[in-house]
PDB file of N, CA and C in Angstrom:
ATOM      1  N   MET A   1     144.794  95.119   4.992  1.00  0.00           N
ATOM      2  CA  MET A   1     144.729  93.704   4.619  1.00  0.00           C
ATOM      3  C   MET A   1     146.104  93.071   4.807  1.00  0.00           C
ATOM      4  N   ILE A   2     146.096  91.880   5.288  1.00  0.00           N
ATOM      5  CA  ILE A   2     147.360  91.164   5.386  1.00  0.00           C
ATOM      6  C   ILE A   2     147.671  90.524   4.040  1.00  0.00           C
ATOM      7  N   LYS A   3     148.896  90.099   3.871  1.00  0.00           N
ATOM      8  CA  LYS A   3     149.350  89.569   2.580  1.00  0.00           C
ATOM      9  C   LYS A   3     148.480  88.422   2.094  1.00  0.00           C
ATOM     10  N   ASN A   4     148.126  87.490   2.980  1.00  0.00           N
ATOM     11  CA  ASN A   4     147.323  86.342   2.588  1.00  0.00           C
ATOM     12  C   ASN A   4     145.967  86.777   2.026  1.00  0.00           C
ATOM     13  N   GLU A   5     145.350  87.783   2.652  1.00  0.00           N
ATOM     14  CA  GLU A   5     144.061  88.294   2.180  1.00  0.00           C
ATOM     15  C   GLU A   5     144.216  88.956   0.811  1.00  0.00           C
ATOM     16  N   LYS A   6     145.283  89.696   0.623  1.00  0.00           N
ATOM     17  CA  LYS A   6     145.524  90.346  -0.670  1.00  0.00           C
ATOM     18  C   LYS A   6     145.695  89.309  -1.768  1.00  0.00           C
ATOM     19  N   GLU A   7     146.401  88.236  -1.457  1.00  0.00           N
ATOM     20  CA  GLU A   7     146.593  87.174  -2.446  1.00  0.00           C
ATOM     21  C   GLU A   7     145.264  86.522  -2.809  1.00  0.00           C
ATOM     22  N   ARG A   8     144.402  86.328  -1.823  1.00  0.00           N
ATOM     23  CA  ARG A   8     143.099  85.718  -2.084  1.00  0.00           C
ATOM     24  C   ARG A   8     142.243  86.630  -2.971  1.00  0.00           C
ATOM     25  N   VAL A   9     142.266  87.936  -2.691  1.00  0.00           N
ATOM     26  CA  VAL A   9     141.521  88.891  -3.511  1.00  0.00           C
ATOM     27  C   VAL A   9     142.057  88.892  -4.939  1.00  0.00           C
ATOM     28  N   ALA A  10     143.375  88.888  -5.090  1.00  0.00           N
ATOM     29  CA  ALA A  10     143.981  88.882  -6.422  1.00  0.00           C
ATOM     30  C   ALA A  10     143.616  87.618  -7.183  1.00  0.00           C
ATOM     31  N   THR A  11     143.615  86.477  -6.501  1.00  0.00           N
ATOM     32  CA  THR A  11     143.251  85.211  -7.141  1.00  0.00           C
ATOM     33  C   THR A  11     141.816  85.251  -7.634  1.00  0.00           C
ATOM     34  N   LYS A  12     140.900  85.767  -6.806  1.00  0.00           N
ATOM     35  CA  LYS A  12     139.492  85.857  -7.199  1.00  0.00           C
ATOM     36  C   LYS A  12     139.323  86.808  -8.380  1.00  0.00           C
ATOM     37  N   ALA A  13     140.085  87.886  -8.409  1.00  0.00           N
ATOM     38  CA  ALA A  13     140.002  88.834  -9.517  1.00  0.00           C
ATOM     39  C   ALA A  13     140.443  88.187 -10.819  1.00  0.00           C
ATOM     40  N   VAL A  14     141.522  87.419 -10.761  1.00  0.00           N
ATOM     41  CA  VAL A  14     142.006  86.726 -11.958  1.00  0.00           C
ATOM     42  C   VAL A  14     140.976  85.701 -12.424  1.00  0.00           C
ATOM     43  N   GLU A  15     140.383  84.955 -11.491  1.00  0.00           N
ATOM     44  CA  GLU A  15     139.352  83.982 -11.855  1.00  0.00           C
ATOM     45  C   GLU A  15     138.177  84.672 -12.535  1.00  0.00           C
ATOM     46  N   ALA A  16     137.765  85.814 -12.021  1.00  0.00           N
ATOM     47  CA  ALA A  16     136.651  86.555 -12.607  1.00  0.00           C
ATOM     48  C   ALA A  16     137.000  87.055 -14.004  1.00  0.00           C
ATOM     49  N   MET A  17     138.229  87.532 -14.186  1.00  0.00           N
ATOM     50  CA  MET A  17     138.647  88.008 -15.507  1.00  0.00           C
ATOM     51  C   MET A  17     138.702  86.871 -16.512  1.00  0.00           C
ATOM     52  N   GLU A  18     139.194  85.711 -16.085  1.00  0.00           N
ATOM     53  CA  GLU A  18     139.239  84.551 -16.977  1.00  0.00           C
ATOM     54  C   GLU A  18     137.834  84.133 -17.384  1.00  0.00           C
ATOM     55  N   HIS A  19     136.915  84.111 -16.436  1.00  0.00           N
ATOM     56  CA  HIS A  19     135.527  83.740 -16.724  1.00  0.00           C
ATOM     57  C   HIS A  19     134.919  84.705 -17.737  1.00  0.00           C
ATOM     58  N   THR A  20     135.149  86.002 -17.518  1.00  0.00           N
ATOM     59  CA  THR A  20     134.593  87.018 -18.410  1.00  0.00           C
ATOM     60  C   THR A  20     135.196  86.904 -19.804  1.00  0.00           C
ATOM     61  N   ALA A  21     136.498  86.654 -19.879  1.00  0.00           N
ATOM     62  CA  ALA A  21     137.164  86.535 -21.178  1.00  0.00           C
ATOM     63  C   ALA A  21     136.637  85.334 -21.954  1.00  0.00           C
ATOM     64  N   LEU A  22     136.369  84.237 -21.262  1.00  0.00           N
ATOM     65  CA  LEU A  22     135.908  83.020 -21.933  1.00  0.00           C
ATOM     66  C   LEU A  22     134.436  83.081 -22.306  1.00  0.00           C
ATOM     67  N   SER A  23     133.618  83.671 -21.452  1.00  0.00           N
ATOM     68  CA  SER A  23     132.175  83.612 -21.661  1.00  0.00           C
ATOM     69  C   SER A  23     131.582  84.908 -22.191  1.00  0.00           C
ATOM     70  N   GLY A  24     132.273  86.012 -21.981  1.00  0.00           N
ATOM     71  CA  GLY A  24     131.718  87.302 -22.368  1.00  0.00           C
ATOM     72  C   GLY A  24     130.633  87.771 -21.420  1.00  0.00           C
ATOM     73  N   ILE A  25     130.468  87.060 -20.314  1.00  0.00           N
ATOM     74  CA  ILE A  25     129.439  87.380 -19.329  1.00  0.00           C
ATOM     75  C   ILE A  25     130.103  88.045 -18.131  1.00  0.00           C
ATOM     76  N   THR A  26     129.419  89.012 -17.551  1.00  0.00           N
ATOM     77  CA  THR A  26     129.929  89.661 -16.351  1.00  0.00           C
ATOM     78  C   THR A  26     130.125  88.638 -15.246  1.00  0.00           C
ATOM     79  N   ALA A  27     131.250  88.711 -14.581  1.00  0.00           N
ATOM     80  CA  ALA A  27     131.555  87.792 -13.481  1.00  0.00           C
ATOM     81  C   ALA A  27     131.446  88.537 -12.155  1.00  0.00           C
ATOM     82  N   ASN A  28     130.789  87.917 -11.211  1.00  0.00           N
ATOM     83  CA  ASN A  28     130.682  88.459  -9.857  1.00  0.00           C
ATOM     84  C   ASN A  28     131.324  87.489  -8.885  1.00  0.00           C
ATOM     85  N   GLN A  29     132.166  88.011  -8.047  1.00  0.00           N
ATOM     86  CA  GLN A  29     132.797  87.204  -7.006  1.00  0.00           C
ATOM     87  C   GLN A  29     132.536  87.885  -5.666  1.00  0.00           C
ATOM     88  N   HIS A  30     132.181  87.099  -4.677  1.00  0.00           N
ATOM     89  CA  HIS A  30     132.063  87.610  -3.319  1.00  0.00           C
ATOM     90  C   HIS A  30     133.275  87.121  -2.541  1.00  0.00           C
ATOM     91  N   ILE A  31     133.949  88.058  -1.897  1.00  0.00           N
ATOM     92  CA  ILE A  31     135.197  87.751  -1.211  1.00  0.00           C
ATOM     93  C   ILE A  31     135.095  88.243   0.227  1.00  0.00           C
ATOM     94  N   GLU A  32     135.452  87.384   1.168  1.00  0.00           N
ATOM     95  CA  GLU A  32     135.499  87.804   2.564  1.00  0.00           C
ATOM     96  C   GLU A  32     136.931  88.195   2.901  1.00  0.00           C
ATOM     97  N   VAL A  33     137.093  89.401   3.389  1.00  0.00           N
ATOM     98  CA  VAL A  33     138.414  89.906   3.768  1.00  0.00           C
ATOM     99  C   VAL A  33     138.290  90.558   5.142  1.00  0.00           C
ATOM    100  N   GLY A  34     138.994  90.014   6.082  1.00  0.00           N
ATOM    101  CA  GLY A  34     138.989  90.595   7.426  1.00  0.00           C
ATOM    102  C   GLY A  34     137.607  90.678   8.042  1.00  0.00           C
ATOM    103  N   GLY A  35     136.774  89.688   7.783  1.00  0.00           N
ATOM    104  CA  GLY A  35     135.423  89.663   8.344  1.00  0.00           C
ATOM    105  C   GLY A  35     134.410  90.476   7.565  1.00  0.00           C
ATOM    106  N   GLN A  36     134.832  91.165   6.521  1.00  0.00           N
ATOM    107  CA  GLN A  36     133.933  91.945   5.674  1.00  0.00           C
ATOM    108  C   GLN A  36     133.760  91.229   4.346  1.00  0.00           C
ATOM    109  N   ILE A  37     132.571  91.335   3.761  1.00  0.00           N
ATOM    110  CA  ILE A  37     132.336  90.707   2.461  1.00  0.00           C
ATOM    111  C   ILE A  37     132.317  91.795   1.392  1.00  0.00           C
ATOM    112  N   TYR A  38     133.075  91.551   0.326  1.00  0.00           N
ATOM    113  CA  TYR A  38     133.163  92.484  -0.791  1.00  0.00           C
ATOM    114  C   TYR A  38     132.669  91.804  -2.051  1.00  0.00           C
ATOM    115  N   LYS A  39     132.058  92.579  -2.933  1.00  0.00           N
ATOM    116  CA  LYS A  39     131.615  92.057  -4.225  1.00  0.00           C
ATOM    117  C   LYS A  39     132.548  92.616  -5.292  1.00  0.00           C
ATOM    118  N   LEU A  40     133.141  91.707  -6.042  1.00  0.00           N
ATOM    119  CA  LEU A  40     134.026  92.075  -7.140  1.00  0.00           C
ATOM    120  C   LEU A  40     133.292  91.785  -8.439  1.00  0.00           C
ATOM    121  N   THR A  41     133.107  92.803  -9.264  1.00  0.00           N
ATOM    122  CA  THR A  41     132.414  92.633 -10.537  1.00  0.00           C
ATOM    123  C   THR A  41     133.370  92.973 -11.669  1.00  0.00           C
ATOM    124  N   ILE A  42     133.495  92.044 -12.608  1.00  0.00           N
ATOM    125  CA  ILE A  42     134.339  92.252 -13.782  1.00  0.00           C
ATOM    126  C   ILE A  42     133.437  92.134 -15.003  1.00  0.00           C
ATOM    127  N   GLU A  43     133.479  93.123 -15.884  1.00  0.00           N
ATOM    128  CA  GLU A  43     132.687  93.032 -17.103  1.00  0.00           C
ATOM    129  C   GLU A  43     133.505  93.492 -18.297  1.00  0.00           C
ATOM    130  N   ARG A  44     133.218  92.900 -19.423  1.00  0.00           N
ATOM    131  CA  ARG A  44     133.904  93.275 -20.658  1.00  0.00           C
ATOM    132  C   ARG A  44     133.264  94.551 -21.184  1.00  0.00           C
ATOM    133  N   LEU A  45     134.076  95.506 -21.568  1.00  0.00           N
ATOM    134  CA  LEU A  45     133.560  96.776 -22.103  1.00  0.00           C
ATOM    135  C   LEU A  45     133.712  96.824 -23.597  1.00  0.00           C
TER     136      LEU A  45
END
């Protein structure tokens, strides 16, 4: 991954964590990196 892609993934992860912290609901983010789509799931344990 290039730096710009890593920053985008990190930003989406932070957004998902903030959503989960505020709502208590699992957050799912779909992120495209280098032409591939990844699903990031954050849940409170």
